[in-house]
Amino acid sequence: MQHKNTLILDISMMLLKTTSREHELMQTDAVNFVTLALDTCTNHESKVPKTEAMSLLKELCVSVDGCLSAATIYCTELIAFGLNRKSGEPPANNTTISQLYSASPFISKTSNELIIETSLIAIANFNCMTYRRKDIAGLIEGVVTKCADLLYTSSSRLIRCRLALLLRCCGKNICEKRVDLFERMIKFFFSGVAREKEELAFALQCADALKYLVSFDAFRARLKPYVGEIAIELCKMVTIVSIPAFYDFLTRITNVYTELVETQLVNLMHVLAERIIREEVFTEKSNNNMTINQCWNVIRAICEQGKLYPEHLDEIETALLPLFEYVVRLNEIDFDDDIVQVVTALIGHRKGVSENMAKLFPYLMNFFYKYENMFGSLFLALNAYIYYGKDTVSYTHLRAHETSLHLVCRLLLEKKKKNKTKQKKKKINKQK
């Protein structure tokens, strides 16, 4: 038993503690800080002491009888101990921690903050076992419930990051019957993402948690009653958040719950368009603005899905019109292909060409010239205009573009015929 305690607490947990280098990383390189945290709890690919310690702990829990239960009990009690202990104070008598205190350097010589964060990251490692072991899930849910106020409102950035990691890894298997805890978890994630400018590492961890959890059917089912409120919050957050994982979550929500976010769909298009224009104004031409790409990804995902409601098409086109107006100065932007794809999708949904779309038609050949006679996505756009817009687009323009399309087809056919002729001549020469 003593060897087991030593392996868990004074080797694995001691090596799992956040180092001063990681503390610095949290402030200066948040992306790498979160990447290391995720790798520690998932793939263990980085092969640093932290991930090796987690691999050891996981192997102990899988291979040694009673080790998983012991490690979970130690970690949950250590969290409560660290949250309630005054600095340097020993634990209360008759607890598991009091029996280990004097023999364990990890417990007796580690600060409250590091005891809590190490225990949180260790529990996150048990995520793959919670769906099989309801007792383990119950212990984790118990400490989240019992210490909720102290954990969620902790002044420590490190503890908040580790709590987001724990909830990311175990959130789909805990709080199943506690609606209040589930609601608090979602609010915690959203408030974290909104703090991108003040606490980037925390915001990244929360955004990643939302992106990961929404990929599970069970989690989405529990999220469904809150989607209306979430849609309103998402519209506000688009104006201030630039984290890629947040936009991935946004795309998934709008695709899965289109009918539930319907009332906010037009508003969402407005704020996405405004964000793109704002970023375009303040971004130098040489920079590849990731936020612009992310916003366009959401717009395309909404417009290209099959559930778009016809009654909103006019409002959506109006919301996106400021973006479509960039067709007159294509050389100044890098999102011309996004414009073409969205225009094509909207015409397809309407099965017709609206007045706004008809106004764009004369400028479509600018795309053709910009890419030196390459059609790309333009081919589908022209096809949509020709197929659906014969009564809307002027005959002269339509004829011109039909000629361009026919020219491409004819050249391709002629090339194919020439290749066949060459092959026949080679065959005849061989026979001779």
Foldseek 3Di string as FASTA:
>chain_A
DVVLCCLQFVQLLVLQFDDPVLVVCQVVPLVVSLVVLVCLQPVLPVPDSNNVSLVSLVCCLVPPPPSVVVLLQQLLVLLVCLLPDDWQDADDPPGPCNVCQVVGCRNRPDHSVRSNLSSLSSLLNCLVVCVVDVVSLVSVLVSCVVCVVCQLPPPDLSSLLSNLSSCLSNVLRHCLPPLVSNVVNLVSLLVQLLCCVPRVNSNQSSLQSLLRQLVDPSSVVSCVVCLLVVLVSLLVSLQPGQHLSNLSSVLSSCQVPVVSSVVCPLSSLLSLLVNLVVCLVPDDQVDDRSSNVSSLVSLLSNLQDPPDDPVCLVSNCVSCLVVLVCLVPVVSDDCPLSSLSSLLSSLVNNLAADPSNLVSLVSLCVVCVVVPNDCVSVVSSLVSCLRHPPVPHDPVSNVVVVVSVVVVVVVVVVVVVVVVVVVVVVVVVVVD
